[in-house]
Amino acid sequence: MTNPSLGPLTHERILLVAEYYPIGGTRTYVKQLLDFYHRMGASVTLVTTMNEPDPEVEQLSSDLGFTLLTYSGIAQAPKPSVWSSRCFARERHAFRAFARAHRFTRVVVSAGTPGLLLGALHAKPNGLYILHTYPHGRRQKFLAGPYLSRRLPRQSQLVCVSQFQRKIVEKLWRTHQRGVQVATVVNTCGPEIATSTELPTQHPLQVITAAMVEHYKQPLQWIEIAAQVSQQVGRDRVRFVWLGDGSLLETARKEAANVLHLADIHFPGRIGSPEGFYSTSQIYFQYSTIENMSIAVIDALRYGLPSVVTNVGALPEIVSDDLQGFLVSSHVKQEAVTALQILIENGAKRSELSTHAKRRYHLKFRQEIWDMEILRLHQ
């Protein structure tokens, strides 16, 4: 597969620096960026910072005719508490030298550490830095903010994926003091899906979650909620499926086995293509304590799944309560139990929220909107 011969970015030589987890939204975003630059005709050198190879992303880059490089100079520290401005400074100088050794017209960083950010932005004044991480914690308040606010070049462009994230970044990173541009471009999951007006009907109904199995996603509390819902509506009426890998996967599997007599719960692990689960499910459920602009929840809108998600971070920017689903407390489990029970027992309500979910995706999250906004940042 080769790049299109003509496109709005035909003359761009992009140095795309990708820092992401082996699973999750930041990895999906990198694949979307590669596809975007291919469709726009740009030439791309993908710089991966992964310690281990990612065959799928590497193969995609090769299929699109892009070049792949590995950068392993990221400064590591044993604990975030001992990270320092000196550590960031070493990384900034190292990556700036690395980037300038390659011919490019623009550097684009997707995620990345503060040192990588500064090295990228000083390597080329018209660089883009796309932030995905949840902007909180000691590193942001005591290190990233003071350090970045003094060293961000004025021509920098920071791209946040939610208004929630943007407000925190502007406050902690003091971007207004440096005249740094901060834009908001919400995520997409690709083209709209031509689905029927009705959700698929099956017995039992299927409730899915697509997320890393980590503490802040609350998998053990999720299992408790699933068990309570199953007890109230009947175990044979609903199946719960959590797609994803993570440090708590085996713990969650053991806990799910302990309540097998109460609820039909599955943790299949990492799924390369979750589309089949989305298209055969009726409800999406995510019980996070923190969350930015979740690609998985946006994908639920794309498939017309009414969602039950916690009222935290940027999730209210995706789901409006009682329109595309329900917003519930992240620490009062009964709210989630009640919301799920309503959707399981009320087919008309599911259908109503499904219609609103598809409409929301069309108006705010479809690929054409994202393409236009990202392209605008290159002009």
Protein backbone atom coordinates (compact mmCIF):
# COMPACT_ATOMS: atom_id res chain seq x y z
CA MET A 1 0.00 0.00 0.00
CA THR A 2 1.41 3.42 -0.94
CA ASN A 3 0.63 6.97 0.04
CA PRO A 4 -1.91 8.85 -2.07
CA SER A 5 -0.08 10.89 -4.71
CA LEU A 6 -2.08 14.00 -3.89
CA GLY A 7 -3.46 15.31 -0.64
CA PRO A 8 -3.53 18.42 1.56
CA LEU A 9 -0.37 17.26 3.39
CA THR A 10 1.53 15.82 0.40
CA HIS A 11 4.56 18.00 1.06
CA GLU A 12 4.66 17.33 4.81
CA ARG A 13 7.38 15.10 6.27
CA ILE A 14 6.04 14.17 9.70
CA LEU A 15 8.15 12.88 12.56
CA LEU A 16 5.44 11.11 14.59
CA VAL A 17 6.58 10.25 18.11
CA ALA A 18 4.28 7.66 19.68
CA GLU A 19 4.29 6.82 23.36
CA TYR A 20 1.48 4.46 24.33
CA TYR A 21 0.50 1.44 26.37
CA PRO A 22 0.39 -1.99 24.66
CA ILE A 23 -3.41 -1.79 24.97
CA GLY A 24 -5.87 1.03 25.38
CA GLY A 25 -6.88 4.33 23.87
CA THR A 26 -3.43 5.88 23.30
CA ARG A 27 -2.49 2.93 21.08
CA THR A 28 -5.75 3.22 19.13
CA TYR A 29 -5.06 6.92 18.65
CA VAL A 30 -1.63 6.24 17.13
CA LYS A 31 -3.22 3.90 14.58
CA GLN A 32 -5.78 6.59 13.74
CA LEU A 33 -3.00 9.15 13.23
CA LEU A 34 -1.17 6.80 10.87
CA ASP A 35 -4.34 6.27 8.87
CA PHE A 36 -5.01 10.04 8.82
CA TYR A 37 -1.57 10.92 7.49
CA HIS A 38 -1.85 8.19 4.84
CA ARG A 39 -5.16 9.55 3.63
CA MET A 40 -3.77 13.12 3.64
CA GLY A 41 -0.72 12.11 1.58
CA ALA A 42 1.96 12.93 4.17
CA SER A 43 5.27 11.14 4.51
CA VAL A 44 5.71 9.79 8.04
CA THR A 45 8.59 8.54 10.12
CA LEU A 46 7.05 6.76 13.11
CA VAL A 47 9.24 6.96 16.21
CA THR A 48 8.19 4.38 18.75
CA THR A 49 9.28 4.58 22.39
CA MET A 50 8.04 1.09 23.25
CA ASN A 51 10.43 -1.16 25.15
CA GLU A 52 8.94 -4.19 23.40
CA PRO A 53 7.97 -4.44 19.71
CA ASP A 54 4.35 -3.94 18.69
CA PRO A 55 3.94 -6.14 15.60
CA GLU A 56 0.49 -4.80 14.69
CA VAL A 57 1.49 -1.13 14.72
CA GLU A 58 4.79 -1.92 13.00
CA GLN A 59 2.99 -3.85 10.27
CA LEU A 60 0.45 -1.06 9.78
CA SER A 61 3.24 1.48 9.43
CA SER A 62 4.98 -0.72 6.87
CA ASP A 63 1.76 -1.36 4.91
CA LEU A 64 1.19 2.39 4.64
CA GLY A 65 4.70 2.95 3.31
CA PHE A 66 5.99 4.75 6.41
CA THR A 67 9.40 4.49 8.05
CA LEU A 68 9.77 3.09 11.58
CA LEU A 69 12.44 4.17 14.09
CA THR A 70 12.93 3.23 17.73
CA TYR A 71 13.95 5.82 20.32
CA SER A 72 15.11 4.40 23.65
CA GLY A 73 16.55 7.50 25.27
CA ILE A 74 13.67 8.21 27.61
CA ALA A 75 15.05 8.94 31.06
CA GLN A 76 13.68 6.50 33.60
CA ALA A 77 13.44 6.87 37.36
CA PRO A 78 12.47 4.20 39.92
CA LYS A 79 9.53 6.17 41.25
CA PRO A 80 7.57 9.20 40.02
CA SER A 81 8.29 10.89 43.36
CA VAL A 82 11.99 11.16 42.48
CA TRP A 83 11.45 12.57 38.99
CA SER A 84 13.05 15.98 38.71
CA SER A 85 13.50 18.91 36.37
CA ARG A 86 17.06 17.69 35.87
CA CYS A 87 15.72 14.37 34.57
CA PHE A 88 13.36 16.24 32.23
CA ALA A 89 16.20 18.48 31.04
CA ARG A 90 18.38 15.50 30.09
CA GLU A 91 15.51 14.03 28.14
CA ARG A 92 14.75 17.32 26.44
CA HIS A 93 18.30 17.71 25.14
CA ALA A 94 18.57 14.04 24.14
CA PHE A 95 15.38 13.99 22.12
CA ARG A 96 16.00 17.37 20.50
CA ALA A 97 19.31 16.06 19.18
CA PHE A 98 17.65 12.83 18.02
CA ALA A 99 14.85 14.66 16.22
CA ARG A 100 17.11 17.15 14.48
CA ALA A 101 19.16 14.30 13.04
CA HIS A 102 16.20 13.40 10.81
CA ARG A 103 14.70 15.40 7.96
CA PHE A 104 11.15 16.51 8.68
CA THR A 105 8.90 19.53 8.35
CA ARG A 106 6.89 18.93 11.53
CA VAL A 107 7.13 16.88 14.68
CA VAL A 108 3.97 15.43 16.21
CA VAL A 109 4.00 13.78 19.64
CA SER A 110 1.13 11.56 20.77
CA ALA A 111 1.19 11.30 24.59
CA GLY A 112 4.83 11.45 25.76
CA THR A 113 6.75 12.50 28.85
CA PRO A 114 7.38 16.18 29.67
CA GLY A 115 11.03 15.86 28.61
CA LEU A 116 10.02 14.32 25.31
CA LEU A 117 7.49 17.10 24.87
CA LEU A 118 10.06 19.84 25.29
CA GLY A 119 12.63 18.14 23.11
CA ALA A 120 10.05 17.74 20.35
CA LEU A 121 8.78 21.30 20.54
CA HIS A 122 12.28 22.79 20.55
CA ALA A 123 13.28 20.55 17.62
CA LYS A 124 10.72 22.27 15.40
CA PRO A 125 8.74 25.39 16.26
CA ASN A 126 5.56 24.25 14.49
CA GLY A 127 5.27 20.99 16.42
CA LEU A 128 2.10 19.47 17.81
CA TYR A 129 1.86 17.75 21.15
CA ILE A 130 -1.31 15.68 21.64
CA LEU A 131 -2.05 14.97 25.30
CA HIS A 132 -4.00 11.90 26.37
CA THR A 133 -3.04 11.35 29.98
CA TYR A 134 -5.23 12.29 32.92
CA PRO A 135 -3.67 15.61 34.05
CA HIS A 136 -3.47 15.25 37.80
CA GLY A 137 -1.16 14.28 40.61
CA ARG A 138 2.10 15.46 42.12
CA ARG A 139 4.08 15.27 38.88
CA GLN A 140 1.75 17.77 37.22
CA LYS A 141 1.51 20.12 40.20
CA PHE A 142 5.08 20.20 41.47
CA LEU A 143 7.21 19.26 38.46
CA ALA A 144 5.48 19.45 35.09
CA GLY A 145 3.72 22.75 35.77
CA PRO A 146 6.66 24.84 37.03
CA TYR A 147 9.15 23.20 34.67
CA LEU A 148 7.04 23.31 31.53
CA SER A 149 5.70 26.80 32.12
CA ARG A 150 9.24 28.22 31.96
CA ARG A 151 10.43 26.24 28.94
CA LEU A 152 7.54 25.88 26.50
CA PRO A 153 8.37 27.72 23.26
CA ARG A 154 5.82 30.36 22.36
CA GLN A 155 5.09 28.76 18.98
CA SER A 156 4.04 25.50 20.62
CA GLN A 157 0.67 23.92 19.98
CA LEU A 158 -0.75 21.65 22.66
CA VAL A 159 -3.76 19.55 21.75
CA CYS A 160 -6.06 18.30 24.50
CA VAL A 161 -8.71 15.68 23.85
CA SER A 162 -11.28 17.12 26.29
CA GLN A 163 -12.34 20.42 27.80
CA PHE A 164 -11.84 18.87 31.23
CA GLN A 165 -8.20 18.15 30.43
CA ARG A 166 -7.65 21.54 28.80
CA LYS A 167 -8.75 23.51 31.86
CA ILE A 168 -6.31 21.64 34.10
CA VAL A 169 -3.43 21.88 31.63
CA GLU A 170 -3.93 25.63 31.16
CA LYS A 171 -3.94 26.12 34.92
CA LEU A 172 -1.04 23.86 35.93
CA TRP A 173 1.16 24.42 32.89
CA ARG A 174 0.52 28.20 32.90
CA THR A 175 0.28 28.24 29.12
CA HIS A 176 -1.23 31.72 28.98
CA GLN A 177 1.95 33.16 30.51
CA ARG A 178 3.98 31.82 27.59
CA GLY A 179 1.49 32.52 24.83
CA VAL A 180 1.27 28.80 24.08
CA GLN A 181 -1.71 27.73 21.98
CA VAL A 182 -3.96 25.07 23.51
CA ALA A 183 -6.60 23.44 21.33
CA THR A 184 -9.27 20.85 22.07
CA VAL A 185 -9.88 18.11 19.52
CA VAL A 186 -12.05 15.31 20.86
CA ASN A 187 -11.33 11.71 19.92
CA THR A 188 -13.00 9.70 17.19
CA CYS A 189 -13.42 5.99 16.59
CA GLY A 190 -13.64 6.23 12.82
CA PRO A 191 -16.49 6.38 10.30
CA GLU A 192 -20.06 6.00 11.42
CA ILE A 193 -21.44 2.47 11.37
CA ALA A 194 -24.51 1.66 9.34
CA THR A 195 -26.58 -0.18 11.93
CA SER A 196 -30.24 -1.00 12.12
CA THR A 197 -32.52 1.24 14.13
CA GLU A 198 -32.89 -1.49 16.73
CA LEU A 199 -30.24 -2.93 19.01
CA PRO A 200 -29.55 -6.65 18.49
CA THR A 201 -31.87 -8.80 20.56
CA GLN A 202 -30.52 -11.84 22.29
CA HIS A 203 -30.91 -13.76 25.50
CA PRO A 204 -29.15 -13.18 27.71
CA LEU A 205 -28.56 -9.48 27.10
CA GLN A 206 -24.87 -8.59 26.94
CA VAL A 207 -23.23 -5.78 28.92
CA ILE A 208 -19.66 -5.01 27.84
CA THR A 209 -16.72 -3.04 29.16
CA ALA A 210 -13.58 -2.35 27.12
CA ALA A 211 -10.79 -1.12 29.38
CA MET A 212 -7.50 -1.95 31.00
CA VAL A 213 -8.05 -4.08 34.10
CA GLU A 214 -6.43 -1.65 36.51
CA HIS A 215 -7.26 -0.17 39.91
CA TYR A 216 -8.70 3.08 38.61
CA LYS A 217 -11.17 1.13 36.45
CA GLN A 218 -12.45 -0.60 39.63
CA PRO A 219 -12.84 -4.16 38.27
CA LEU A 220 -13.63 -5.70 41.67
CA GLN A 221 -16.39 -3.18 42.32
CA TRP A 222 -17.58 -3.79 38.75
CA ILE A 223 -17.92 -7.50 39.59
CA GLU A 224 -19.90 -6.69 42.75
CA ILE A 225 -22.28 -4.54 40.72
CA ALA A 226 -22.66 -7.23 38.06
CA ALA A 227 -23.49 -9.79 40.73
CA GLN A 228 -26.10 -7.52 42.36
CA VAL A 229 -27.74 -6.74 39.02
CA SER A 230 -27.84 -10.41 38.08
CA GLN A 231 -29.47 -11.29 41.37
CA GLN A 232 -32.20 -8.70 40.83
CA VAL A 233 -33.00 -9.35 37.17
CA GLY A 234 -32.10 -13.04 37.06
CA ARG A 235 -28.74 -14.60 36.24
CA ASP A 236 -29.98 -16.06 32.95
CA ARG A 237 -31.10 -12.68 31.61
CA VAL A 238 -27.75 -10.88 31.45
CA ARG A 239 -24.10 -11.62 30.65
CA PHE A 240 -21.24 -9.29 31.62
CA VAL A 241 -18.05 -9.20 29.50
CA TRP A 242 -14.91 -7.15 30.24
CA LEU A 243 -12.52 -6.85 27.29
CA GLY A 244 -8.94 -5.94 28.12
CA ASP A 245 -5.68 -6.85 29.79
CA GLY A 246 -4.00 -5.39 32.85
CA SER A 247 -2.34 -6.00 36.19
CA LEU A 248 -5.62 -7.05 37.87
CA LEU A 249 -6.83 -9.41 35.16
CA GLU A 250 -6.08 -12.65 37.00
CA THR A 251 -7.42 -11.24 40.27
CA ALA A 252 -10.63 -10.24 38.52
CA ARG A 253 -10.97 -13.67 36.89
CA LYS A 254 -10.68 -15.37 40.28
CA GLU A 255 -13.24 -13.05 41.84
CA ALA A 256 -15.62 -13.61 38.91
CA ALA A 257 -15.28 -17.36 39.42
CA ASN A 258 -16.22 -16.91 43.09
CA VAL A 259 -19.57 -15.37 42.14
CA LEU A 260 -20.22 -17.66 39.17
CA HIS A 261 -23.36 -18.98 40.86
CA LEU A 262 -24.71 -15.41 41.01
CA ALA A 263 -23.64 -13.85 37.72
CA ASP A 264 -22.45 -14.77 34.22
CA ILE A 265 -19.18 -12.78 34.07
CA HIS A 266 -16.33 -13.15 31.58
CA PHE A 267 -12.82 -11.66 31.34
CA PRO A 268 -11.51 -12.89 27.97
CA GLY A 269 -8.44 -10.65 28.18
CA ARG A 270 -7.00 -8.62 25.36
CA ILE A 271 -9.10 -8.73 22.19
CA GLY A 272 -7.48 -7.56 18.97
CA SER A 273 -10.77 -6.64 17.30
CA PRO A 274 -13.58 -5.85 19.77
CA GLU A 275 -16.04 -4.89 17.01
CA GLY A 276 -17.85 -8.20 17.23
CA PHE A 277 -18.56 -7.66 20.93
CA TYR A 278 -19.83 -4.11 20.40
CA SER A 279 -22.11 -5.17 17.56
CA THR A 280 -23.71 -8.00 19.56
CA SER A 281 -24.11 -6.16 22.87
CA GLN A 282 -26.94 -4.04 24.20
CA ILE A 283 -25.34 -1.98 27.01
CA TYR A 284 -21.93 -0.47 27.75
CA PHE A 285 -20.74 -0.14 31.37
CA GLN A 286 -17.59 1.54 32.73
CA TYR A 287 -16.97 2.20 36.44
CA SER A 288 -13.79 4.32 36.47
CA THR A 289 -12.63 6.61 39.27
CA ILE A 290 -10.68 8.78 36.83
CA GLU A 291 -11.02 9.07 33.06
CA ASN A 292 -10.16 11.43 30.25
CA MET A 293 -11.83 11.27 26.81
CA SER A 294 -12.44 7.51 26.72
CA ILE A 295 -12.26 6.05 23.22
CA ALA A 296 -14.10 2.94 24.41
CA VAL A 297 -17.10 4.97 25.57
CA ILE A 298 -17.09 6.96 22.32
CA ASP A 299 -17.09 3.65 20.46
CA ALA A 300 -20.17 2.65 22.43
CA LEU A 301 -21.92 5.73 21.03
CA ARG A 302 -20.83 4.74 17.52
CA TYR A 303 -22.50 1.35 17.91
CA GLY A 304 -25.58 2.89 19.50
CA LEU A 305 -25.05 1.32 22.92
CA PRO A 306 -26.65 3.14 25.85
CA SER A 307 -23.90 3.58 28.46
CA VAL A 308 -23.68 3.51 32.22
CA VAL A 309 -20.51 5.42 33.16
CA THR A 310 -19.22 7.29 36.17
CA ASN A 311 -19.61 11.04 36.44
CA VAL A 312 -15.88 11.73 36.48
CA GLY A 313 -13.31 13.52 34.31
CA ALA A 314 -14.39 13.99 30.70
CA LEU A 315 -17.03 11.23 30.66
CA PRO A 316 -19.87 13.79 31.01
CA GLU A 317 -18.58 15.34 27.76
CA ILE A 318 -19.39 12.04 26.03
CA VAL A 319 -22.53 10.85 27.79
CA SER A 320 -25.33 13.15 28.94
CA ASP A 321 -27.39 11.73 31.76
CA ASP A 322 -30.64 10.15 30.58
CA LEU A 323 -29.85 10.95 26.93
CA GLN A 324 -27.09 8.61 25.74
CA GLY A 325 -27.10 6.65 28.97
CA PHE A 326 -26.73 7.28 32.70
CA LEU A 327 -24.04 9.03 34.75
CA VAL A 328 -23.52 7.43 38.15
CA SER A 329 -21.33 7.93 41.20
CA SER A 330 -17.92 6.23 41.22
CA HIS A 331 -18.30 5.29 44.89
CA VAL A 332 -22.03 4.56 45.33
CA LYS A 333 -22.47 1.19 43.66
CA GLN A 334 -26.25 1.16 44.04
CA GLU A 335 -26.55 3.96 41.47
CA ALA A 336 -24.90 1.77 38.83
CA VAL A 337 -27.01 -1.22 39.87
CA THR A 338 -30.21 0.78 39.44
CA ALA A 339 -29.17 2.25 36.07
CA LEU A 340 -28.20 -1.14 34.65
CA GLN A 341 -31.40 -2.72 35.92
CA ILE A 342 -33.47 -0.03 34.16
CA LEU A 343 -31.71 -0.66 30.84
CA ILE A 344 -31.92 -4.44 31.12
CA GLU A 345 -35.62 -4.48 31.96
CA ASN A 346 -36.80 -1.65 29.69
CA GLY A 347 -36.29 -2.34 26.00
CA ALA A 348 -38.04 0.88 24.97
CA LYS A 349 -35.61 2.90 27.10
CA ARG A 350 -32.63 1.13 25.57
CA SER A 351 -33.94 1.90 22.09
CA GLU A 352 -34.51 5.57 22.94
CA LEU A 353 -31.01 6.05 24.39
CA SER A 354 -29.50 4.12 21.48
CA THR A 355 -30.96 6.60 19.02
CA HIS A 356 -29.53 9.51 21.01
CA ALA A 357 -26.14 7.78 21.22
CA LYS A 358 -25.84 7.44 17.43
CA ARG A 359 -26.94 11.03 16.95
CA ARG A 360 -24.34 12.22 19.49
CA TYR A 361 -21.59 10.40 17.63
CA HIS A 362 -22.69 11.91 14.32
CA LEU A 363 -22.75 15.46 15.70
CA LYS A 364 -19.52 15.42 17.71
CA PHE A 365 -17.30 12.40 17.26
CA ARG A 366 -17.45 11.18 13.67
CA GLN A 367 -14.20 10.87 11.73
CA GLU A 368 -14.86 13.73 9.32
CA ILE A 369 -14.99 16.23 12.20
CA TRP A 370 -11.75 14.92 13.72
CA ASP A 371 -10.02 14.95 10.32
CA MET A 372 -10.97 18.57 9.76
CA GLU A 373 -9.78 19.69 13.20
CA ILE A 374 -6.45 17.85 13.04
CA LEU A 375 -5.84 19.09 9.51
CA ARG A 376 -6.54 22.66 10.61
CA LEU A 377 -3.73 22.41 13.18
CA HIS A 378 -1.27 21.67 10.37
CA GLN A 379 -2.09 24.82 8.44
